[in-house]
Amino acid sequence: MTDSVARLEATIRDLLAQRAATATICPSDAARAIGGDEWRGLMDDARTAAGRLVGSGEVEITQGGVVVDLSSARGPIRIRSVQPPG
C-alpha cells in the first residue's frame, strides 16, 4: 500500500465521520482534501482506498443510492459508511 492510499483511507474515514451516518462522499472529496490542486492525479488511489475500506467492512460503494460492487462499477461512485441491518 502506498502512502497516498493510506492517507486517502484515513481521509475517507474522517470525512464520513463528519457527516450523517447515511451521508455519502465522492472519492474526489478525499483526493481534494489531501491533493489540493493536484487532486485529479489521486483519483485512482482514492478508488483503491475505497476498495480497501470495502474489504475491511467499513464502507459501501453506491451508484444512484444502490450498493454496487466497486470492481464492476463504471462512472461516478459514492462512498458511505456501512449501514446497520434493518
N, C-alpha and C. Protein backbone atom coordinates (compact mmCIF):
# COMPACT_ATOMS: atom_id res chain seq x y z
N MET A 1 0.85 -1.18 0.00
CA MET A 1 0.00 0.00 0.00
C MET A 1 0.89 1.24 0.00
N THR A 2 0.54 2.18 -0.84
CA THR A 2 1.32 3.42 -0.90
C THR A 2 0.91 4.37 0.21
N ASP A 3 1.76 5.34 0.45
CA ASP A 3 1.47 6.36 1.45
C ASP A 3 0.20 7.12 1.10
N SER A 4 0.00 7.42 -0.20
CA SER A 4 -1.19 8.19 -0.57
C SER A 4 -2.46 7.37 -0.35
N VAL A 5 -2.42 6.06 -0.59
CA VAL A 5 -3.60 5.23 -0.33
C VAL A 5 -3.92 5.23 1.16
N ALA A 6 -2.91 5.09 2.00
CA ALA A 6 -3.13 5.11 3.45
C ALA A 6 -3.71 6.46 3.89
N ARG A 7 -3.18 7.54 3.34
CA ARG A 7 -3.70 8.87 3.69
C ARG A 7 -5.14 9.03 3.21
N LEU A 8 -5.43 8.51 2.03
CA LEU A 8 -6.78 8.61 1.50
C LEU A 8 -7.76 7.78 2.32
N GLU A 9 -7.35 6.60 2.77
CA GLU A 9 -8.21 5.80 3.64
C GLU A 9 -8.56 6.59 4.90
N ALA A 10 -7.56 7.17 5.52
CA ALA A 10 -7.79 7.95 6.74
C ALA A 10 -8.69 9.14 6.46
N THR A 11 -8.49 9.79 5.33
CA THR A 11 -9.30 10.95 4.97
C THR A 11 -10.74 10.56 4.70
N ILE A 12 -10.94 9.43 4.02
CA ILE A 12 -12.31 8.95 3.78
C ILE A 12 -13.00 8.70 5.12
N ARG A 13 -12.32 8.03 6.03
CA ARG A 13 -12.90 7.79 7.37
C ARG A 13 -13.26 9.11 8.05
N ASP A 14 -12.33 10.07 8.01
CA ASP A 14 -12.56 11.36 8.66
C ASP A 14 -13.74 12.11 8.05
N LEU A 15 -13.80 12.14 6.72
CA LEU A 15 -14.89 12.85 6.05
C LEU A 15 -16.24 12.22 6.37
N LEU A 16 -16.29 10.89 6.38
CA LEU A 16 -17.56 10.22 6.70
C LEU A 16 -17.95 10.44 8.15
N ALA A 17 -16.98 10.49 9.04
CA ALA A 17 -17.27 10.71 10.46
C ALA A 17 -17.86 12.09 10.71
N GLN A 18 -17.59 13.03 9.83
CA GLN A 18 -18.10 14.40 9.98
C GLN A 18 -19.50 14.57 9.42
N ARG A 19 -20.04 13.53 8.80
CA ARG A 19 -21.35 13.62 8.15
C ARG A 19 -22.35 12.70 8.85
N ALA A 20 -23.60 12.85 8.48
CA ALA A 20 -24.65 11.97 8.99
C ALA A 20 -24.33 10.53 8.61
N ALA A 21 -24.82 9.59 9.40
CA ALA A 21 -24.50 8.17 9.19
C ALA A 21 -24.84 7.67 7.80
N THR A 22 -25.88 8.23 7.20
CA THR A 22 -26.30 7.76 5.88
C THR A 22 -25.74 8.61 4.74
N ALA A 23 -24.98 9.63 5.05
CA ALA A 23 -24.43 10.52 4.03
C ALA A 23 -23.33 9.82 3.23
N THR A 24 -23.13 10.31 2.02
CA THR A 24 -22.08 9.77 1.16
C THR A 24 -21.08 10.85 0.82
N ILE A 25 -19.91 10.39 0.39
CA ILE A 25 -18.91 11.31 -0.15
C ILE A 25 -18.47 10.78 -1.50
N CYS A 26 -17.88 11.64 -2.27
CA CYS A 26 -17.29 11.26 -3.54
C CYS A 26 -15.80 10.98 -3.29
N PRO A 27 -15.21 10.02 -3.99
CA PRO A 27 -13.78 9.81 -3.83
C PRO A 27 -12.97 11.08 -4.06
N SER A 28 -13.48 11.96 -4.92
CA SER A 28 -12.76 13.20 -5.19
C SER A 28 -12.72 14.11 -3.97
N ASP A 29 -13.67 13.98 -3.05
CA ASP A 29 -13.63 14.77 -1.82
C ASP A 29 -12.36 14.45 -1.04
N ALA A 30 -12.03 13.17 -0.93
CA ALA A 30 -10.82 12.76 -0.22
C ALA A 30 -9.58 13.17 -1.00
N ALA A 31 -9.62 12.99 -2.31
CA ALA A 31 -8.47 13.37 -3.14
C ALA A 31 -8.20 14.87 -3.04
N ARG A 32 -9.25 15.67 -3.06
CA ARG A 32 -9.08 17.12 -2.95
C ARG A 32 -8.54 17.51 -1.58
N ALA A 33 -8.98 16.80 -0.55
CA ALA A 33 -8.56 17.14 0.81
C ALA A 33 -7.06 16.97 1.00
N ILE A 34 -6.46 15.99 0.33
CA ILE A 34 -5.02 15.80 0.51
C ILE A 34 -4.19 16.26 -0.68
N GLY A 35 -4.83 16.40 -1.85
CA GLY A 35 -4.06 16.72 -3.05
C GLY A 35 -4.12 18.15 -3.51
N GLY A 36 -5.02 18.94 -2.93
CA GLY A 36 -5.14 20.32 -3.38
C GLY A 36 -5.41 20.41 -4.87
N ASP A 37 -4.69 21.27 -5.55
CA ASP A 37 -4.88 21.47 -6.98
C ASP A 37 -4.48 20.25 -7.81
N GLU A 38 -3.74 19.34 -7.23
CA GLU A 38 -3.28 18.14 -7.94
C GLU A 38 -4.16 16.92 -7.64
N TRP A 39 -5.38 17.13 -7.18
CA TRP A 39 -6.26 16.05 -6.73
C TRP A 39 -6.57 15.04 -7.82
N ARG A 40 -6.66 15.45 -9.06
CA ARG A 40 -7.04 14.52 -10.13
C ARG A 40 -6.06 13.35 -10.24
N GLY A 41 -4.80 13.60 -9.96
CA GLY A 41 -3.80 12.55 -10.00
C GLY A 41 -3.94 11.52 -8.90
N LEU A 42 -4.80 11.79 -7.94
CA LEU A 42 -5.02 10.86 -6.83
C LEU A 42 -6.30 10.03 -6.97
N MET A 43 -7.03 10.22 -8.05
CA MET A 43 -8.32 9.54 -8.17
C MET A 43 -8.21 8.02 -8.22
N ASP A 44 -7.23 7.47 -8.91
CA ASP A 44 -7.07 6.01 -8.92
C ASP A 44 -6.77 5.51 -7.51
N ASP A 45 -5.90 6.22 -6.79
CA ASP A 45 -5.59 5.84 -5.41
C ASP A 45 -6.82 5.99 -4.51
N ALA A 46 -7.66 6.99 -4.78
CA ALA A 46 -8.86 7.18 -3.98
C ALA A 46 -9.81 6.00 -4.15
N ARG A 47 -9.95 5.51 -5.38
CA ARG A 47 -10.79 4.33 -5.61
C ARG A 47 -10.17 3.09 -4.96
N THR A 48 -8.84 3.00 -5.02
CA THR A 48 -8.16 1.89 -4.36
C THR A 48 -8.41 1.93 -2.85
N ALA A 49 -8.28 3.12 -2.27
CA ALA A 49 -8.52 3.28 -0.83
C ALA A 49 -9.96 2.90 -0.49
N ALA A 50 -10.90 3.33 -1.30
CA ALA A 50 -12.30 2.97 -1.06
C ALA A 50 -12.48 1.46 -1.13
N GLY A 51 -11.84 0.83 -2.09
CA GLY A 51 -11.93 -0.63 -2.22
C GLY A 51 -11.36 -1.35 -1.01
N ARG A 52 -10.26 -0.84 -0.48
CA ARG A 52 -9.66 -1.44 0.72
C ARG A 52 -10.61 -1.30 1.91
N LEU A 53 -11.28 -0.16 2.01
CA LEU A 53 -12.23 0.05 3.10
C LEU A 53 -13.48 -0.81 2.95
N VAL A 54 -13.88 -1.08 1.70
CA VAL A 54 -14.96 -2.03 1.46
C VAL A 54 -14.52 -3.40 1.96
N GLY A 55 -13.30 -3.79 1.61
CA GLY A 55 -12.77 -5.09 2.01
C GLY A 55 -12.69 -5.28 3.51
N SER A 56 -12.48 -4.19 4.23
CA SER A 56 -12.41 -4.28 5.70
C SER A 56 -13.78 -4.13 6.35
N GLY A 57 -14.82 -3.94 5.52
CA GLY A 57 -16.18 -3.86 6.04
C GLY A 57 -16.57 -2.51 6.60
N GLU A 58 -15.79 -1.48 6.30
CA GLU A 58 -16.07 -0.15 6.86
C GLU A 58 -17.01 0.69 6.02
N VAL A 59 -16.95 0.54 4.70
CA VAL A 59 -17.75 1.38 3.81
C VAL A 59 -18.43 0.55 2.74
N GLU A 60 -19.39 1.19 2.08
CA GLU A 60 -20.08 0.62 0.92
C GLU A 60 -19.91 1.59 -0.23
N ILE A 61 -19.94 1.07 -1.43
CA ILE A 61 -19.89 1.89 -2.64
C ILE A 61 -21.29 1.91 -3.23
N THR A 62 -21.75 3.11 -3.59
CA THR A 62 -23.08 3.23 -4.18
C THR A 62 -23.03 3.97 -5.51
N GLN A 63 -24.04 3.68 -6.31
CA GLN A 63 -24.33 4.43 -7.52
C GLN A 63 -25.84 4.59 -7.57
N GLY A 64 -26.29 5.81 -7.65
CA GLY A 64 -27.73 6.05 -7.66
C GLY A 64 -28.41 5.57 -6.39
N GLY A 65 -27.68 5.58 -5.27
CA GLY A 65 -28.24 5.17 -3.99
C GLY A 65 -28.28 3.67 -3.77
N VAL A 66 -27.80 2.90 -4.74
CA VAL A 66 -27.81 1.44 -4.65
C VAL A 66 -26.39 0.95 -4.42
N VAL A 67 -26.21 0.02 -3.48
CA VAL A 67 -24.89 -0.54 -3.22
C VAL A 67 -24.45 -1.35 -4.43
N VAL A 68 -23.21 -1.10 -4.89
CA VAL A 68 -22.66 -1.79 -6.05
C VAL A 68 -21.28 -2.36 -5.70
N ASP A 69 -20.84 -3.28 -6.54
CA ASP A 69 -19.50 -3.85 -6.42
C ASP A 69 -18.54 -2.89 -7.12
N LEU A 70 -17.54 -2.43 -6.40
CA LEU A 70 -16.60 -1.47 -6.96
C LEU A 70 -15.91 -2.01 -8.21
N SER A 71 -15.63 -3.30 -8.24
CA SER A 71 -14.91 -3.86 -9.38
C SER A 71 -15.71 -3.81 -10.68
N SER A 72 -17.03 -3.75 -10.57
CA SER A 72 -17.85 -3.67 -11.78
C SER A 72 -18.49 -2.30 -11.98
N ALA A 73 -18.28 -1.39 -11.04
CA ALA A 73 -18.87 -0.05 -11.14
C ALA A 73 -18.16 0.75 -12.22
N ARG A 74 -18.92 1.37 -13.07
CA ARG A 74 -18.38 2.26 -14.10
C ARG A 74 -18.99 3.64 -13.89
N GLY A 75 -18.16 4.65 -13.99
CA GLY A 75 -18.65 6.01 -13.81
C GLY A 75 -18.56 6.44 -12.36
N PRO A 76 -19.25 7.55 -12.05
CA PRO A 76 -19.16 8.13 -10.71
C PRO A 76 -19.68 7.18 -9.63
N ILE A 77 -18.99 7.16 -8.52
CA ILE A 77 -19.40 6.37 -7.36
C ILE A 77 -19.48 7.27 -6.14
N ARG A 78 -20.14 6.77 -5.12
CA ARG A 78 -20.21 7.44 -3.83
C ARG A 78 -19.77 6.43 -2.78
N ILE A 79 -19.27 6.96 -1.67
CA ILE A 79 -18.80 6.12 -0.56
C ILE A 79 -19.63 6.49 0.66
N ARG A 80 -20.09 5.46 1.39
CA ARG A 80 -20.80 5.72 2.64
C ARG A 80 -20.38 4.67 3.67
N SER A 81 -20.56 5.02 4.92
CA SER A 81 -20.30 4.06 5.99
C SER A 81 -21.27 2.90 5.85
N VAL A 82 -20.82 1.72 6.25
CA VAL A 82 -21.69 0.54 6.20
C VAL A 82 -22.92 0.80 7.06
N GLN A 83 -24.07 0.49 6.50
CA GLN A 83 -25.33 0.70 7.19
C GLN A 83 -25.68 -0.53 8.01
N PRO A 84 -26.12 -0.34 9.25
CA PRO A 84 -26.51 -1.49 10.07
C PRO A 84 -27.73 -2.18 9.46
N PRO A 85 -27.85 -3.49 9.65
CA PRO A 85 -29.02 -4.20 9.10
C PRO A 85 -30.31 -3.68 9.72
N GLY A 86 -31.36 -3.79 8.91
CA GLY A 86 -32.68 -3.42 9.42
C GLY A 86 -33.03 -2.07 9.09
